[in-house]
Protein backbone atom coordinates (compact mmCIF):
# COMPACT_ATOMS: atom_id res chain seq x y z
CA MET A 1 84.48 30.16 104.24
CA THR A 2 84.19 27.50 106.94
CA ALA A 3 87.06 26.14 109.02
CA LEU A 4 88.07 22.67 107.88
CA ILE A 5 91.16 22.46 110.11
CA VAL A 6 91.57 23.93 113.58
CA ALA A 7 94.80 23.11 115.41
CA GLU A 8 95.43 24.34 118.94
CA ASP A 9 98.89 24.38 120.51
CA LEU A 10 100.16 21.22 118.78
CA VAL A 11 103.33 19.71 120.20
CA LYS A 12 105.21 16.70 118.83
CA ALA A 13 108.05 15.71 121.12
CA TYR A 14 110.65 12.96 120.93
CA ASN A 15 113.12 11.71 123.51
CA ILE A 16 116.59 11.70 121.96
CA GLY A 17 119.50 10.69 124.17
CA GLY A 18 117.52 11.45 127.30
CA GLU A 19 116.59 14.94 126.11
CA GLU A 20 113.29 16.17 124.73
CA PHE A 21 113.28 17.37 121.14
CA ARG A 22 110.17 19.19 119.91
CA ALA A 23 109.61 18.74 116.19
CA LEU A 24 106.48 20.87 116.70
CA ASP A 25 106.46 23.40 119.50
CA GLY A 26 103.01 24.88 120.10
CA VAL A 27 101.54 25.26 116.61
CA SER A 28 98.07 26.77 116.26
CA LEU A 29 96.39 27.40 112.92
CA THR A 30 93.12 27.36 111.03
CA ILE A 31 92.60 26.34 107.40
CA GLU A 32 89.31 27.27 105.81
CA ARG A 33 87.47 25.28 103.18
CA GLY A 34 88.54 26.31 99.70
CA GLU A 35 92.08 27.41 100.52
CA LEU A 36 95.26 26.49 98.65
CA VAL A 37 97.95 26.55 101.33
CA ALA A 38 101.71 26.14 100.96
CA ILE A 39 103.64 25.03 104.05
CA MET A 40 107.23 26.16 103.60
CA GLY A 41 110.38 25.51 105.56
CA ALA A 42 113.90 24.17 105.38
CA SER A 43 114.74 20.53 106.05
CA GLY A 44 114.16 19.81 109.74
CA SER A 45 111.87 22.80 110.24
CA GLY A 46 108.89 20.68 111.25
CA LYS A 47 106.79 21.19 108.13
CA SER A 48 106.48 17.46 107.29
CA THR A 49 105.74 16.63 110.94
CA LEU A 50 102.96 19.20 110.84
CA MET A 51 101.53 17.75 107.63
CA ASN A 52 101.67 14.22 109.06
CA ILE A 53 99.60 15.29 112.06
CA LEU A 54 97.14 17.35 110.00
CA GLY A 55 96.86 14.38 107.62
CA CYS A 56 96.08 11.98 110.50
CA LEU A 57 99.23 9.98 109.72
CA ASP A 58 100.52 10.71 113.23
CA ARG A 59 99.21 12.02 116.55
CA PRO A 60 100.47 15.02 118.51
CA THR A 61 102.13 14.60 121.90
CA SER A 62 99.81 17.32 123.18
CA GLY A 63 97.40 19.90 121.83
CA ARG A 64 94.06 19.55 120.06
CA TYR A 65 93.26 19.02 116.40
CA PHE A 66 89.78 19.35 114.89
CA LEU A 67 89.10 18.13 111.34
CA ALA A 68 85.73 19.11 109.86
CA GLY A 69 84.52 19.85 113.39
CA ARG A 70 85.61 16.53 114.90
CA GLU A 71 88.47 16.30 117.35
CA VAL A 72 90.89 13.69 116.00
CA SER A 73 93.92 14.37 118.21
CA HIS A 74 93.57 11.23 120.30
CA LEU A 75 91.94 8.75 117.93
CA GLY A 76 93.40 5.26 117.65
CA ARG A 77 95.09 3.89 114.55
CA SER A 78 91.99 2.27 113.05
CA GLU A 79 89.91 5.39 113.63
CA LEU A 80 92.58 7.58 112.06
CA ALA A 81 92.72 5.23 109.07
CA GLU A 82 88.97 5.60 108.64
CA VAL A 83 89.24 9.40 108.80
CA ARG A 84 92.03 9.37 106.18
CA ASN A 85 90.07 7.16 103.81
CA THR A 86 86.87 9.18 104.22
CA PHE A 87 88.03 12.79 104.29
CA LEU A 88 91.58 13.02 102.95
CA GLY A 89 93.68 12.43 99.85
CA PHE A 90 97.48 12.28 99.69
CA VAL A 91 100.12 13.03 97.06
CA PHE A 92 103.79 12.27 97.72
CA GLN A 93 107.08 13.33 96.15
CA SER A 94 107.98 9.76 95.14
CA PHE A 95 104.51 9.12 93.56
CA ASN A 96 104.12 5.79 95.48
CA LEU A 97 102.59 3.96 92.52
CA LEU A 98 102.60 0.16 92.28
CA PRO A 99 105.04 -0.55 89.42
CA ARG A 100 103.31 -3.65 88.00
CA THR A 101 99.86 -2.12 88.13
CA SER A 102 98.16 0.01 85.47
CA ALA A 103 97.24 3.66 85.99
CA VAL A 104 93.57 2.88 86.48
CA GLU A 105 94.34 0.07 88.93
CA ASN A 106 96.61 2.37 90.94
CA VAL A 107 93.82 4.94 91.14
CA GLU A 108 91.32 2.28 92.25
CA LEU A 109 93.26 1.39 95.41
CA PRO A 110 91.54 3.80 97.85
CA LEU A 111 88.16 2.65 96.55
CA ILE A 112 89.09 -0.99 97.18
CA TYR A 113 89.89 -0.12 100.80
CA ALA A 114 86.57 1.73 101.01
CA GLY A 115 84.65 -1.32 99.77
CA VAL A 116 83.35 0.32 96.58
CA PRO A 117 81.96 -2.24 94.08
CA ARG A 118 84.19 -3.11 91.10
CA LYS A 119 82.12 -1.46 88.36
CA GLU A 120 81.81 1.80 90.29
CA ARG A 121 85.53 1.68 91.16
CA PHE A 122 86.48 1.45 87.51
CA GLU A 123 84.10 4.22 86.42
CA ARG A 124 85.23 6.62 89.14
CA SER A 125 88.90 5.87 88.50
CA CYS A 126 88.51 6.48 84.77
CA ALA A 127 86.74 9.78 85.53
CA ALA A 128 89.55 10.84 87.89
CA LEU A 129 92.21 10.06 85.27
CA GLU A 130 90.21 11.95 82.67
CA ARG A 131 90.04 14.90 85.03
CA VAL A 132 93.84 15.06 85.30
CA GLY A 133 94.30 14.71 81.55
CA LEU A 134 95.22 11.01 81.39
CA GLY A 135 92.05 9.48 79.98
CA ASP A 136 94.15 7.96 77.18
CA ARG A 137 96.65 6.34 79.60
CA LEU A 138 94.36 4.07 81.62
CA ARG A 139 96.26 0.85 80.89
CA HIS A 140 99.77 2.29 80.99
CA HIS A 141 102.09 1.15 83.77
CA PRO A 142 104.26 3.66 85.68
CA SER A 143 107.36 2.70 83.65
CA GLN A 144 105.50 3.79 80.50
CA LEU A 145 104.73 7.24 81.92
CA SER A 146 106.84 10.36 82.42
CA GLY A 147 107.46 11.72 85.91
CA GLY A 148 104.78 14.36 85.47
CA GLN A 149 102.29 11.78 84.23
CA GLN A 150 103.06 9.53 87.21
CA GLN A 151 102.41 12.43 89.55
CA ARG A 152 99.10 13.11 87.82
CA VAL A 153 98.13 9.45 88.34
CA ALA A 154 98.96 9.99 92.01
CA ILE A 155 96.76 13.10 92.06
CA ALA A 156 93.92 11.15 90.43
CA ARG A 157 94.29 8.52 93.16
CA ALA A 158 94.17 11.28 95.80
CA ILE A 159 90.89 12.73 94.51
CA VAL A 160 89.06 9.54 93.48
CA ASN A 161 87.50 9.16 96.95
CA ARG A 162 86.10 12.71 96.67
CA PRO A 163 87.96 13.97 99.74
CA ASP A 164 87.35 17.22 101.60
CA LEU A 165 91.07 17.96 101.67
CA VAL A 166 94.19 16.90 99.76
CA PHE A 167 97.68 16.97 101.31
CA ALA A 168 100.75 16.94 99.09
CA ASP A 169 104.29 16.43 100.40
CA GLU A 170 106.87 18.04 98.06
CA PRO A 171 104.69 17.16 95.02
CA THR A 172 107.12 18.75 92.55
CA GLY A 173 110.33 17.56 94.24
CA ASN A 174 111.13 14.95 91.57
CA LEU A 175 110.04 17.05 88.58
CA ASP A 176 111.72 19.55 86.31
CA SER A 177 110.42 23.12 86.07
CA LYS A 178 108.02 22.52 83.16
CA MET A 179 106.51 19.41 84.73
CA SER A 180 106.31 21.23 88.09
CA ALA A 181 104.32 24.05 86.48
CA ALA A 182 101.95 21.53 84.88
CA VAL A 183 101.35 19.79 88.21
CA MET A 184 100.76 23.09 90.01
CA ALA A 185 98.36 24.15 87.24
CA LEU A 186 96.40 20.98 87.93
CA PHE A 187 96.35 21.73 91.68
CA GLN A 188 95.04 25.21 90.92
CA GLU A 189 92.32 23.79 88.67
CA LEU A 190 91.22 21.42 91.44
CA TRP A 191 91.36 24.24 93.99
CA ARG A 192 89.24 26.54 91.81
CA SER A 193 86.69 23.74 91.49
CA GLY A 194 86.27 23.85 95.30
CA LEU A 195 88.85 21.40 96.67
CA THR A 196 90.94 22.41 99.69
CA ILE A 197 94.64 21.67 99.20
CA ALA A 198 97.67 21.99 101.51
CA TYR A 199 101.12 21.19 100.21
CA VAL A 200 104.61 21.11 101.69
CA THR A 201 107.49 22.64 99.75
CA HIS A 202 110.89 24.18 100.37
CA GLU A 203 110.82 26.08 97.06
CA PRO A 204 109.59 29.71 97.02
CA ASP A 205 108.73 29.38 93.31
CA VAL A 206 106.35 26.51 94.09
CA ALA A 207 104.89 28.27 97.15
CA ALA A 208 104.06 31.22 94.87
CA TYR A 209 101.17 29.23 93.36
CA ALA A 210 99.31 29.10 96.71
CA SER A 211 96.71 31.53 98.04
CA ARG A 212 98.37 31.43 101.48
CA VAL A 213 101.87 30.61 102.69
CA LEU A 214 102.79 29.28 106.14
CA VAL A 215 106.49 29.40 106.96
CA VAL A 216 107.67 26.92 109.59
CA ARG A 217 110.96 27.17 111.47
CA ASP A 218 112.16 25.24 114.53
CA GLY A 219 108.76 23.63 114.97
CA ARG A 220 106.87 26.92 115.06
CA ILE A 221 104.96 29.02 112.55
CA LEU A 222 107.24 31.92 111.69
CA SER A 223 104.78 33.67 109.35
CA ASP A 224 101.32 33.16 107.88
CA SER A 225 100.55 35.29 104.83
CA PRO A 226 97.74 35.38 102.26
CA GLN A 227 98.87 36.20 98.74
CA GLU A 228 97.67 36.52 95.17
CA PRO A 229 98.62 33.15 93.70
CA ARG A 230 100.81 33.02 90.62
CA SER A 231 98.79 31.55 87.76
CA ALA A 232 100.15 28.23 86.50
CA GLN A 233 98.87 28.08 82.94
CA ARG A 234 99.22 24.70 81.25
CA ASP A 235 99.62 24.60 77.49
CA THR A 236 98.53 21.42 75.76
CA SER A 237 102.02 20.41 74.68
CA THR A 238 103.33 20.62 78.27
CA ALA A 239 100.26 18.83 79.63
CA LYS A 240 100.68 15.93 77.22
CA ALA A 241 104.36 15.52 77.99
CA ALA A 242 104.16 16.07 81.72
């Protein structure tokens, strides 16, 4: 495997009431291509701060961060936006779908920002929805979809730009156990097809689906362990409902 992420001594510090608070306190890690990584930790542990920096949504106070061999630690906002749109996909707990927009139109959004022509946008978005099992829901709006289906639309949107890496922030946080298993089965399918995925969770049951678990506490990596991932098998009835 080849390193996709190399982080060296990352610090994210804030001044609160005249005192320095370190949300990240010297984090170093490497993520190889083709890994499925769970980042675990309690609320306030620093796991979401870490994901925001690795996802180029924020910059560290100090330290170095290399993404696909390029140092991105000190890039400006427009350069970081370009990196996100070119290399990364994102999935969030709250789905972040436009409510008055169809599934296929929601999935098209990253391609619009990338300047992809309309016909190609539509074809790629349809293919992404087909890949996540929603080829028959192209024209449905979010209100016509279950929570699991909305999250799968969000996953289709994350992969439509053919990213090197997908980040997911508590992707099962708004789902029940059956829908959570269906979503994690989809992540595993994408991972086995070659996609690198890192996701934040506070649930050990959800972290069990990863091939590697990072535990974050007080802004530092407490443990970093490879594991045999639990298999998330989707049956057709769950997949259709979720």
